[in-house]
Amino acid sequence: MGMGRRSAVLAMVLALGVVGCGGGERQDKNEPSGTFDMRAVGTFPASQHIAERARMRIAVRNTGQKDVPNVAVTVKGFTKRSTQAGLADPNKPVWIVDRGPKGGDTAYVGTWALGPLPAGQTRVFEWRVTPIQPGLYKVSYEIAAGLNGKAKARGASGGPPGGRFTVRVSGKPPQARVNPETGAVERS
């Protein structure tokens, strides 16, 4: 391949690289800037059994005077990091998310958003999860007022509202039996 042809191929590869790198409008173009006062309260059972479905709920209240553009919750701790070398993905699930907040899926890992939250209103995020790894775990959550960083959530402490759960997952599945009279599964 001659020098002129190599230069033309190199220029074409570079042009394709630049075209493929994005462009267009900024993602945060329509997100209002500002700080929004919010509070969050969550529940998640502190004691769980492997393979037994659990429910995590986080109620987020807009305590400010302005409508929140897009209330979101980021959860950390549904997975744990493996130290095994050579894994394609070192994050291994502790809980399987059977169902996240309805209509809340986003492109962000571990983040769910439920849209605008009017002043004085509360929105409840609910996850149905199944633990698959026994052990003691910490699950934390943080509230956001938008997905792109221009709308900031402020809690009582001045930082983003959030919380943490400490959960012990037993390696023993829950005890259950079928009631012969009703056919219902009874857990003990």
N, C-alpha and C. Protein backbone atom coordinates (compact mmCIF):
# COMPACT_ATOMS: atom_id res chain seq x y z
N MET A 1 0.86 -1.16 0.00
CA MET A 1 0.00 0.00 0.00
C MET A 1 0.90 1.22 0.00
N GLY A 2 0.66 2.14 -0.92
CA GLY A 2 1.47 3.35 -1.04
C GLY A 2 1.17 4.32 0.08
N MET A 3 2.08 5.31 0.20
CA MET A 3 1.95 6.30 1.26
C MET A 3 0.66 7.11 1.13
N GLY A 4 0.28 7.49 -0.09
CA GLY A 4 -0.93 8.26 -0.29
C GLY A 4 -2.18 7.47 0.08
N ARG A 5 -2.16 6.18 -0.27
CA ARG A 5 -3.32 5.34 0.04
C ARG A 5 -3.43 5.10 1.55
N ARG A 6 -2.28 4.90 2.23
CA ARG A 6 -2.28 4.73 3.69
C ARG A 6 -2.84 5.97 4.37
N SER A 7 -2.44 7.12 3.89
CA SER A 7 -2.93 8.37 4.48
C SER A 7 -4.43 8.50 4.29
N ALA A 8 -4.93 8.10 3.11
CA ALA A 8 -6.37 8.18 2.85
C ALA A 8 -7.13 7.23 3.76
N VAL A 9 -6.60 5.99 3.94
CA VAL A 9 -7.25 5.01 4.82
C VAL A 9 -7.24 5.51 6.26
N LEU A 10 -6.09 6.04 6.70
CA LEU A 10 -5.98 6.57 8.06
C LEU A 10 -6.96 7.73 8.28
N ALA A 11 -7.07 8.62 7.31
CA ALA A 11 -8.00 9.74 7.42
C ALA A 11 -9.44 9.24 7.50
N MET A 12 -9.77 8.20 6.73
CA MET A 12 -11.13 7.65 6.76
C MET A 12 -11.42 7.01 8.12
N VAL A 13 -10.46 6.25 8.66
CA VAL A 13 -10.64 5.61 9.97
C VAL A 13 -10.83 6.67 11.05
N LEU A 14 -10.03 7.73 11.01
CA LEU A 14 -10.17 8.80 12.00
C LEU A 14 -11.51 9.50 11.86
N ALA A 15 -11.96 9.72 10.65
CA ALA A 15 -13.25 10.38 10.44
C ALA A 15 -14.38 9.51 10.98
N LEU A 16 -14.32 8.20 10.74
CA LEU A 16 -15.34 7.30 11.28
C LEU A 16 -15.32 7.30 12.80
N GLY A 17 -14.13 7.34 13.37
CA GLY A 17 -14.00 7.38 14.83
C GLY A 17 -14.64 8.61 15.41
N VAL A 18 -14.45 9.76 14.79
CA VAL A 18 -15.05 11.00 15.28
C VAL A 18 -16.56 10.96 15.12
N VAL A 19 -17.05 10.46 13.99
CA VAL A 19 -18.49 10.38 13.77
C VAL A 19 -19.13 9.45 14.78
N GLY A 20 -18.49 8.37 15.15
CA GLY A 20 -19.05 7.39 16.08
C GLY A 20 -18.96 7.80 17.53
N CYS A 21 -18.36 8.93 17.84
CA CYS A 21 -18.15 9.32 19.23
C CYS A 21 -19.29 10.14 19.81
N GLY A 22 -20.40 10.21 19.15
CA GLY A 22 -21.52 10.95 19.72
C GLY A 22 -21.67 12.29 19.06
N GLY A 23 -22.14 13.22 19.79
CA GLY A 23 -22.40 14.53 19.24
C GLY A 23 -23.86 14.86 19.44
N GLY A 24 -24.31 15.83 18.73
CA GLY A 24 -25.70 16.21 18.90
C GLY A 24 -25.89 17.02 20.16
N GLU A 25 -27.12 17.05 20.65
CA GLU A 25 -27.46 17.85 21.82
C GLU A 25 -26.99 17.20 23.12
N ARG A 26 -26.77 18.03 24.11
CA ARG A 26 -26.38 17.53 25.44
C ARG A 26 -27.55 16.80 26.08
N GLN A 27 -27.23 15.72 26.81
CA GLN A 27 -28.27 14.95 27.49
C GLN A 27 -29.02 15.79 28.52
N ASP A 28 -28.31 16.69 29.17
CA ASP A 28 -28.92 17.46 30.25
C ASP A 28 -29.59 18.76 29.77
N LYS A 29 -29.74 18.91 28.46
CA LYS A 29 -30.27 20.16 27.88
C LYS A 29 -31.59 20.58 28.53
N ASN A 30 -32.51 19.65 28.72
CA ASN A 30 -33.84 19.99 29.22
C ASN A 30 -34.01 19.82 30.73
N GLU A 31 -32.94 19.44 31.43
CA GLU A 31 -33.05 19.27 32.88
C GLU A 31 -32.83 20.62 33.56
N PRO A 32 -33.79 21.08 34.36
CA PRO A 32 -33.61 22.36 35.05
C PRO A 32 -32.49 22.28 36.07
N SER A 33 -31.78 23.37 36.24
CA SER A 33 -30.76 23.47 37.29
C SER A 33 -31.46 23.88 38.58
N GLY A 34 -30.93 23.41 39.68
CA GLY A 34 -31.49 23.83 40.95
C GLY A 34 -31.30 22.79 42.02
N THR A 35 -31.66 23.17 43.23
CA THR A 35 -31.58 22.29 44.38
C THR A 35 -33.00 22.07 44.89
N PHE A 36 -33.33 20.81 45.15
CA PHE A 36 -34.68 20.43 45.52
C PHE A 36 -34.65 19.70 46.86
N ASP A 37 -35.43 20.20 47.82
CA ASP A 37 -35.48 19.61 49.15
C ASP A 37 -36.34 18.35 49.13
N MET A 38 -35.74 17.24 49.60
CA MET A 38 -36.43 15.96 49.57
C MET A 38 -36.05 15.15 50.81
N ARG A 39 -36.91 14.23 51.18
CA ARG A 39 -36.66 13.29 52.29
C ARG A 39 -36.99 11.90 51.79
N ALA A 40 -36.32 10.90 52.36
CA ALA A 40 -36.58 9.51 51.97
C ALA A 40 -36.60 8.63 53.20
N VAL A 41 -37.51 7.65 53.17
CA VAL A 41 -37.61 6.65 54.22
C VAL A 41 -37.73 5.31 53.53
N GLY A 42 -36.91 4.35 53.97
CA GLY A 42 -36.94 3.04 53.33
C GLY A 42 -37.16 1.91 54.30
N THR A 43 -37.66 0.79 53.76
CA THR A 43 -37.81 -0.44 54.53
C THR A 43 -37.30 -1.60 53.69
N PHE A 44 -36.62 -2.53 54.37
CA PHE A 44 -36.09 -3.74 53.75
C PHE A 44 -35.84 -4.71 54.90
N PRO A 45 -36.39 -5.93 54.86
CA PRO A 45 -36.22 -6.84 55.99
C PRO A 45 -34.74 -7.07 56.34
N ALA A 46 -34.43 -6.93 57.63
CA ALA A 46 -33.05 -7.09 58.09
C ALA A 46 -32.62 -8.56 58.11
N SER A 47 -33.58 -9.45 58.17
CA SER A 47 -33.31 -10.89 58.17
C SER A 47 -34.07 -11.52 57.02
N GLN A 48 -33.32 -12.19 56.14
CA GLN A 48 -33.93 -12.82 54.97
C GLN A 48 -33.39 -14.23 54.81
N HIS A 49 -34.07 -15.02 53.99
CA HIS A 49 -33.66 -16.38 53.68
C HIS A 49 -33.36 -16.49 52.20
N ILE A 50 -32.34 -17.26 51.90
CA ILE A 50 -32.00 -17.51 50.50
C ILE A 50 -33.23 -18.07 49.78
N ALA A 51 -33.46 -17.61 48.58
CA ALA A 51 -34.55 -18.06 47.70
C ALA A 51 -35.95 -17.63 48.17
N GLU A 52 -36.04 -16.76 49.18
CA GLU A 52 -37.36 -16.26 49.61
C GLU A 52 -37.48 -14.80 49.17
N ARG A 53 -38.49 -14.51 48.41
CA ARG A 53 -38.70 -13.16 47.87
C ARG A 53 -38.85 -12.15 49.01
N ALA A 54 -38.25 -10.97 48.80
CA ALA A 54 -38.33 -9.87 49.77
C ALA A 54 -38.74 -8.60 49.02
N ARG A 55 -39.21 -7.62 49.78
CA ARG A 55 -39.64 -6.36 49.20
C ARG A 55 -38.86 -5.22 49.84
N MET A 56 -38.29 -4.36 49.01
CA MET A 56 -37.64 -3.15 49.47
C MET A 56 -38.48 -1.97 48.98
N ARG A 57 -38.81 -1.07 49.91
CA ARG A 57 -39.63 0.10 49.57
C ARG A 57 -38.92 1.36 50.04
N ILE A 58 -38.92 2.36 49.17
CA ILE A 58 -38.35 3.66 49.52
C ILE A 58 -39.38 4.72 49.14
N ALA A 59 -39.85 5.46 50.15
CA ALA A 59 -40.80 6.55 49.94
C ALA A 59 -40.01 7.85 49.90
N VAL A 60 -40.16 8.60 48.80
CA VAL A 60 -39.45 9.86 48.61
C VAL A 60 -40.48 10.99 48.63
N ARG A 61 -40.24 11.97 49.50
CA ARG A 61 -41.16 13.11 49.62
C ARG A 61 -40.46 14.38 49.17
N ASN A 62 -41.15 15.15 48.37
CA ASN A 62 -40.68 16.46 47.96
C ASN A 62 -41.12 17.44 49.05
N THR A 63 -40.18 17.86 49.88
CA THR A 63 -40.49 18.75 50.99
C THR A 63 -40.29 20.22 50.64
N GLY A 64 -39.90 20.48 49.40
CA GLY A 64 -39.65 21.85 48.97
C GLY A 64 -40.87 22.50 48.34
N GLN A 65 -40.64 23.68 47.78
CA GLN A 65 -41.70 24.47 47.15
C GLN A 65 -41.74 24.32 45.63
N LYS A 66 -40.69 23.67 45.06
CA LYS A 66 -40.60 23.51 43.61
C LYS A 66 -40.83 22.05 43.24
N ASP A 67 -41.42 21.83 42.06
CA ASP A 67 -41.59 20.46 41.55
C ASP A 67 -40.23 19.89 41.18
N VAL A 68 -39.99 18.64 41.57
CA VAL A 68 -38.76 17.93 41.22
C VAL A 68 -38.90 17.45 39.77
N PRO A 69 -37.88 17.68 38.92
CA PRO A 69 -37.99 17.32 37.51
C PRO A 69 -38.14 15.81 37.25
N ASN A 70 -37.35 14.99 37.95
CA ASN A 70 -37.38 13.55 37.69
C ASN A 70 -36.80 12.83 38.92
N VAL A 71 -37.66 12.42 39.84
CA VAL A 71 -37.19 11.78 41.07
C VAL A 71 -36.59 10.41 40.74
N ALA A 72 -35.38 10.16 41.26
CA ALA A 72 -34.66 8.92 40.95
C ALA A 72 -34.02 8.35 42.22
N VAL A 73 -33.84 7.03 42.23
CA VAL A 73 -33.16 6.34 43.33
C VAL A 73 -32.08 5.46 42.73
N THR A 74 -30.87 5.57 43.28
CA THR A 74 -29.77 4.69 42.90
C THR A 74 -29.52 3.75 44.07
N VAL A 75 -29.50 2.45 43.79
CA VAL A 75 -29.30 1.43 44.82
C VAL A 75 -27.94 0.78 44.59
N LYS A 76 -27.17 0.66 45.68
CA LYS A 76 -25.89 -0.05 45.63
C LYS A 76 -25.94 -1.17 46.66
N GLY A 77 -25.51 -2.36 46.26
CA GLY A 77 -25.45 -3.48 47.19
C GLY A 77 -26.25 -4.69 46.75
N PHE A 78 -27.00 -4.60 45.66
CA PHE A 78 -27.69 -5.78 45.15
C PHE A 78 -26.68 -6.78 44.58
N THR A 79 -25.44 -6.32 44.36
CA THR A 79 -24.36 -7.19 43.88
C THR A 79 -23.16 -7.04 44.80
N LYS A 80 -22.24 -7.98 44.68
CA LYS A 80 -20.96 -7.86 45.40
C LYS A 80 -19.86 -8.12 44.39
N ARG A 81 -18.69 -7.58 44.68
CA ARG A 81 -17.56 -7.71 43.77
C ARG A 81 -16.77 -8.96 44.10
N SER A 82 -16.54 -9.76 43.08
CA SER A 82 -15.73 -10.97 43.23
C SER A 82 -14.26 -10.61 43.09
N THR A 83 -13.40 -11.28 43.85
CA THR A 83 -11.97 -11.04 43.76
C THR A 83 -11.29 -12.03 42.80
N GLN A 84 -12.07 -12.93 42.22
CA GLN A 84 -11.52 -13.92 41.29
C GLN A 84 -10.99 -13.20 40.04
N ALA A 85 -9.75 -13.50 39.69
CA ALA A 85 -9.11 -12.86 38.53
C ALA A 85 -9.69 -13.40 37.22
N GLY A 86 -9.72 -12.55 36.22
CA GLY A 86 -10.09 -12.97 34.88
C GLY A 86 -11.58 -13.02 34.57
N LEU A 87 -12.41 -12.57 35.49
CA LEU A 87 -13.85 -12.58 35.22
C LEU A 87 -14.22 -11.45 34.26
N ALA A 88 -15.11 -11.73 33.32
CA ALA A 88 -15.57 -10.69 32.41
C ALA A 88 -16.33 -9.62 33.17
N ASP A 89 -17.12 -10.03 34.16
CA ASP A 89 -17.86 -9.09 35.00
C ASP A 89 -17.66 -9.51 36.45
N PRO A 90 -16.88 -8.77 37.21
CA PRO A 90 -16.62 -9.16 38.60
C PRO A 90 -17.80 -8.92 39.55
N ASN A 91 -18.87 -8.25 39.09
CA ASN A 91 -20.04 -8.03 39.93
C ASN A 91 -20.93 -9.26 39.89
N LYS A 92 -21.13 -9.86 41.04
CA LYS A 92 -21.96 -11.06 41.15
C LYS A 92 -23.20 -10.73 41.97
N PRO A 93 -24.36 -11.19 41.53
CA PRO A 93 -25.59 -10.83 42.24
C PRO A 93 -25.68 -11.45 43.64
N VAL A 94 -26.18 -10.66 44.57
CA VAL A 94 -26.56 -11.14 45.90
C VAL A 94 -28.08 -11.31 45.89
N TRP A 95 -28.75 -10.33 45.27
CA TRP A 95 -30.20 -10.38 45.08
C TRP A 95 -30.49 -10.35 43.59
N ILE A 96 -31.46 -11.12 43.17
CA ILE A 96 -31.98 -11.00 41.82
C ILE A 96 -33.15 -10.03 41.90
N VAL A 97 -33.14 -9.02 41.05
CA VAL A 97 -34.25 -8.07 41.02
C VAL A 97 -35.33 -8.69 40.15
N ASP A 98 -36.36 -9.23 40.81
CA ASP A 98 -37.48 -9.84 40.10
C ASP A 98 -38.33 -8.78 39.44
N ARG A 99 -38.50 -7.65 40.13
CA ARG A 99 -39.29 -6.55 39.59
C ARG A 99 -38.84 -5.26 40.26
N GLY A 100 -38.48 -4.29 39.45
CA GLY A 100 -38.11 -2.97 39.96
C GLY A 100 -39.32 -2.06 39.97
N PRO A 101 -39.14 -0.81 40.35
CA PRO A 101 -40.25 0.14 40.35
C PRO A 101 -40.90 0.21 38.96
N LYS A 102 -42.20 0.03 38.91
CA LYS A 102 -42.93 0.00 37.64
C LYS A 102 -42.75 1.31 36.88
N GLY A 103 -42.29 1.19 35.63
CA GLY A 103 -42.07 2.36 34.78
C GLY A 103 -40.82 3.14 35.12
N GLY A 104 -39.95 2.57 35.97
CA GLY A 104 -38.79 3.31 36.44
C GLY A 104 -37.45 2.96 35.82
N ASP A 105 -37.42 2.05 34.84
CA ASP A 105 -36.14 1.65 34.24
C ASP A 105 -35.44 2.84 33.58
N THR A 106 -34.12 2.88 33.74
CA THR A 106 -33.29 3.90 33.09
C THR A 106 -32.11 3.20 32.43
N ALA A 107 -31.32 3.95 31.72
CA ALA A 107 -30.11 3.41 31.09
C ALA A 107 -28.95 3.33 32.10
N TYR A 108 -29.14 3.85 33.29
CA TYR A 108 -28.09 3.87 34.31
C TYR A 108 -28.17 2.62 35.17
N VAL A 109 -27.02 1.99 35.43
CA VAL A 109 -26.97 0.77 36.24
C VAL A 109 -27.37 1.10 37.67
N GLY A 110 -28.35 0.36 38.18
CA GLY A 110 -28.78 0.52 39.57
C GLY A 110 -29.61 1.75 39.85
N THR A 111 -30.10 2.44 38.82
CA THR A 111 -30.88 3.66 39.00
C THR A 111 -32.25 3.51 38.36
N TRP A 112 -33.27 3.92 39.12
CA TRP A 112 -34.65 3.91 38.65
C TRP A 112 -35.21 5.33 38.81
N ALA A 113 -36.02 5.78 37.87
CA ALA A 113 -36.60 7.12 37.93
C ALA A 113 -38.09 7.04 37.66
N LEU A 114 -38.86 7.85 38.40
CA LEU A 114 -40.32 7.81 38.27
C LEU A 114 -40.93 9.14 37.82
N GLY A 115 -40.13 10.01 37.20
CA GLY A 115 -40.67 11.23 36.62
C GLY A 115 -40.82 12.37 37.62
N PRO A 116 -41.56 13.39 37.21
CA PRO A 116 -41.72 14.59 38.06
C PRO A 116 -42.40 14.27 39.39
N LEU A 117 -42.00 15.01 40.42
CA LEU A 117 -42.60 14.87 41.75
C LEU A 117 -43.02 16.26 42.22
N PRO A 118 -44.33 16.52 42.21
CA PRO A 118 -44.82 17.85 42.63
C PRO A 118 -44.47 18.17 44.09
N ALA A 119 -44.36 19.44 44.38
CA ALA A 119 -44.08 19.91 45.74
C ALA A 119 -45.11 19.32 46.71
N GLY A 120 -44.63 18.83 47.85
CA GLY A 120 -45.51 18.28 48.87
C GLY A 120 -45.97 16.84 48.64
N GLN A 121 -45.63 16.27 47.50
CA GLN A 121 -46.08 14.90 47.17
C GLN A 121 -45.01 13.86 47.51
N THR A 122 -45.46 12.60 47.59
CA THR A 122 -44.57 11.46 47.88
C THR A 122 -44.70 10.43 46.76
N ARG A 123 -43.60 9.85 46.40
CA ARG A 123 -43.58 8.78 45.41
C ARG A 123 -42.89 7.58 46.06
N VAL A 124 -43.47 6.37 45.88
CA VAL A 124 -42.92 5.17 46.48
C VAL A 124 -42.27 4.30 45.40
N PHE A 125 -41.01 3.96 45.63
CA PHE A 125 -40.27 3.04 44.78
C PHE A 125 -40.32 1.67 45.46
N GLU A 126 -40.60 0.62 44.69
CA GLU A 126 -40.67 -0.72 45.28
C GLU A 126 -39.95 -1.73 44.40
N TRP A 127 -39.11 -2.54 45.06
CA TRP A 127 -38.40 -3.62 44.38
C TRP A 127 -38.83 -4.94 45.00
N ARG A 128 -39.04 -5.94 44.17
CA ARG A 128 -39.22 -7.31 44.63
C ARG A 128 -37.96 -8.05 44.24
N VAL A 129 -37.27 -8.55 45.25
CA VAL A 129 -35.97 -9.18 45.04
C VAL A 129 -35.92 -10.55 45.69
N THR A 130 -35.01 -11.38 45.21
CA THR A 130 -34.80 -12.70 45.79
C THR A 130 -33.32 -12.85 46.10
N PRO A 131 -32.96 -13.05 47.38
CA PRO A 131 -31.55 -13.24 47.72
C PRO A 131 -31.06 -14.61 47.26
N ILE A 132 -29.85 -14.64 46.70
CA ILE A 132 -29.28 -15.90 46.23
C ILE A 132 -27.91 -16.20 46.84
N GLN A 133 -27.40 -15.30 47.68
CA GLN A 133 -26.11 -15.50 48.33
C GLN A 133 -26.26 -15.28 49.84
N PRO A 134 -25.95 -16.26 50.67
CA PRO A 134 -26.02 -16.03 52.11
C PRO A 134 -24.89 -15.11 52.57
N GLY A 135 -25.12 -14.41 53.68
CA GLY A 135 -24.09 -13.55 54.24
C GLY A 135 -24.69 -12.29 54.83
N LEU A 136 -23.81 -11.40 55.28
CA LEU A 136 -24.19 -10.11 55.84
C LEU A 136 -23.86 -9.04 54.82
N TYR A 137 -24.84 -8.22 54.45
CA TYR A 137 -24.66 -7.24 53.38
C TYR A 137 -25.17 -5.88 53.79
N LYS A 138 -24.61 -4.86 53.13
CA LYS A 138 -25.08 -3.48 53.28
C LYS A 138 -25.64 -3.06 51.92
N VAL A 139 -26.86 -2.56 51.94
CA VAL A 139 -27.52 -2.05 50.74
C VAL A 139 -27.79 -0.57 51.01
N SER A 140 -27.30 0.29 50.13
CA SER A 140 -27.52 1.73 50.32
C SER A 140 -28.30 2.30 49.15
N TYR A 141 -28.92 3.45 49.40
CA TYR A 141 -29.66 4.13 48.34
C TYR A 141 -29.45 5.63 48.46
N GLU A 142 -29.50 6.28 47.30
CA GLU A 142 -29.36 7.74 47.25
C GLU A 142 -30.41 8.29 46.31
N ILE A 143 -30.99 9.41 46.71
CA ILE A 143 -32.06 10.05 45.95
C ILE A 143 -31.47 11.15 45.07
N ALA A 144 -32.02 11.28 43.86
CA ALA A 144 -31.61 12.35 42.95
C ALA A 144 -32.87 13.07 42.45
N ALA A 145 -32.70 14.31 42.06
CA ALA A 145 -33.81 15.10 41.53
C ALA A 145 -33.85 15.08 40.01
N GLY A 146 -32.87 14.45 39.39
CA GLY A 146 -32.80 14.32 37.94
C GLY A 146 -31.72 13.32 37.61
N LEU A 147 -31.63 12.95 36.35
CA LEU A 147 -30.67 11.93 35.94
C LEU A 147 -29.37 12.50 35.39
N ASN A 148 -29.30 13.79 35.12
CA ASN A 148 -28.14 14.34 34.43
C ASN A 148 -27.27 15.27 35.26
N GLY A 149 -27.58 15.44 36.54
CA GLY A 149 -26.69 16.18 37.43
C GLY A 149 -26.96 17.66 37.60
N LYS A 150 -27.86 18.24 36.82
CA LYS A 150 -28.15 19.67 36.98
C LYS A 150 -29.17 19.91 38.09
N ALA A 151 -30.09 18.97 38.28
CA ALA A 151 -31.09 19.06 39.34
C ALA A 151 -30.56 18.26 40.53
N LYS A 152 -30.31 18.93 41.64
CA LYS A 152 -29.71 18.30 42.82
C LYS A 152 -30.74 18.09 43.92
N ALA A 153 -30.69 16.93 44.55
CA ALA A 153 -31.55 16.65 45.71
C ALA A 153 -30.80 17.04 46.97
N ARG A 154 -31.53 17.65 47.93
CA ARG A 154 -30.92 18.05 49.20
C ARG A 154 -31.76 17.48 50.34
N GLY A 155 -31.09 16.73 51.21
CA GLY A 155 -31.74 16.18 52.39
C GLY A 155 -31.56 17.08 53.59
N ALA A 156 -32.00 16.60 54.74
CA ALA A 156 -31.93 17.39 55.98
C ALA A 156 -30.50 17.74 56.35
N SER A 157 -29.53 16.87 56.00
CA SER A 157 -28.13 17.12 56.36
C SER A 157 -27.44 18.04 55.37
N GLY A 158 -28.11 18.40 54.29
CA GLY A 158 -27.52 19.27 53.28
C GLY A 158 -27.01 18.51 52.06
N GLY A 159 -26.73 17.22 52.21
CA GLY A 159 -26.30 16.39 51.08
C GLY A 159 -27.48 15.66 50.48
N PRO A 160 -27.21 14.81 49.51
CA PRO A 160 -28.32 14.05 48.91
C PRO A 160 -28.99 13.14 49.93
N PRO A 161 -30.32 13.05 49.93
CA PRO A 161 -30.99 12.15 50.86
C PRO A 161 -30.71 10.70 50.47
N GLY A 162 -30.73 9.83 51.45
CA GLY A 162 -30.49 8.41 51.20
C GLY A 162 -30.54 7.64 52.50
N GLY A 163 -30.10 6.41 52.43
CA GLY A 163 -30.10 5.57 53.61
C GLY A 163 -29.36 4.28 53.34
N ARG A 164 -29.36 3.43 54.37
CA ARG A 164 -28.62 2.17 54.28
C ARG A 164 -29.35 1.12 55.09
N PHE A 165 -29.32 -0.10 54.57
CA PHE A 165 -29.86 -1.26 55.27
C PHE A 165 -28.73 -2.25 55.52
N THR A 166 -28.75 -2.89 56.68
CA THR A 166 -27.87 -4.02 56.94
C THR A 166 -28.76 -5.25 56.94
N VAL A 167 -28.42 -6.21 56.09
CA VAL A 167 -29.27 -7.38 55.88
C VAL A 167 -28.45 -8.66 56.05
N ARG A 168 -28.98 -9.57 56.85
CA ARG A 168 -28.38 -10.91 56.98
C ARG A 168 -29.25 -11.87 56.19
N VAL A 169 -28.62 -12.54 55.22
CA VAL A 169 -29.31 -13.54 54.41
C VAL A 169 -28.88 -14.91 54.90
N SER A 170 -29.84 -15.68 55.40
CA SER A 170 -29.58 -17.02 55.89
C SER A 170 -29.40 -17.97 54.70
N GLY A 171 -28.48 -18.91 54.84
CA GLY A 171 -28.25 -19.90 53.79
C GLY A 171 -29.30 -20.99 53.76
N LYS A 172 -30.17 -21.00 54.78
CA LYS A 172 -31.24 -22.01 54.83
C LYS A 172 -32.50 -21.43 54.22
N PRO A 173 -33.12 -22.17 53.31
CA PRO A 173 -34.40 -21.67 52.77
C PRO A 173 -35.45 -21.66 53.87
N PRO A 174 -36.48 -20.84 53.71
CA PRO A 174 -37.52 -20.79 54.73
C PRO A 174 -38.26 -22.12 54.82
N GLN A 175 -38.71 -22.44 56.03
CA GLN A 175 -39.49 -23.66 56.22
C GLN A 175 -40.91 -23.41 55.71
N ALA A 176 -41.42 -24.36 54.96
CA ALA A 176 -42.77 -24.23 54.42
C ALA A 176 -43.41 -25.60 54.31
N ARG A 177 -44.72 -25.60 54.39
CA ARG A 177 -45.47 -26.84 54.20
C ARG A 177 -46.78 -26.49 53.51
N VAL A 178 -47.37 -27.49 52.88
CA VAL A 178 -48.67 -27.29 52.23
C VAL A 178 -49.75 -27.75 53.19
N ASN A 179 -50.68 -26.87 53.47
CA ASN A 179 -51.81 -27.20 54.34
C ASN A 179 -52.71 -28.19 53.57
N PRO A 180 -52.88 -29.41 54.08
CA PRO A 180 -53.66 -30.40 53.34
C PRO A 180 -55.14 -30.03 53.20
N GLU A 181 -55.64 -29.19 54.10
CA GLU A 181 -57.04 -28.81 54.04
C GLU A 181 -57.32 -27.71 53.02
N THR A 182 -56.39 -26.75 52.90
CA THR A 182 -56.63 -25.61 52.03
C THR A 182 -55.76 -25.62 50.77
N GLY A 183 -54.66 -26.34 50.81
CA GLY A 183 -53.73 -26.36 49.68
C GLY A 183 -52.80 -25.14 49.66
N ALA A 184 -52.91 -24.27 50.66
CA ALA A 184 -52.08 -23.06 50.73
C ALA A 184 -50.71 -23.40 51.30
N VAL A 185 -49.70 -22.68 50.81
CA VAL A 185 -48.34 -22.83 51.32
C VAL A 185 -48.24 -21.99 52.58
N GLU A 186 -47.81 -22.62 53.68
CA GLU A 186 -47.65 -21.93 54.95
C GLU A 186 -46.18 -21.90 55.31
N ARG A 187 -45.68 -20.71 55.61
CA ARG A 187 -44.27 -20.55 56.00
C ARG A 187 -44.18 -20.42 57.50
N SER A 188 -43.13 -21.00 58.05
CA SER A 188 -42.94 -20.87 59.51
C SER A 188 -41.63 -20.18 59.82
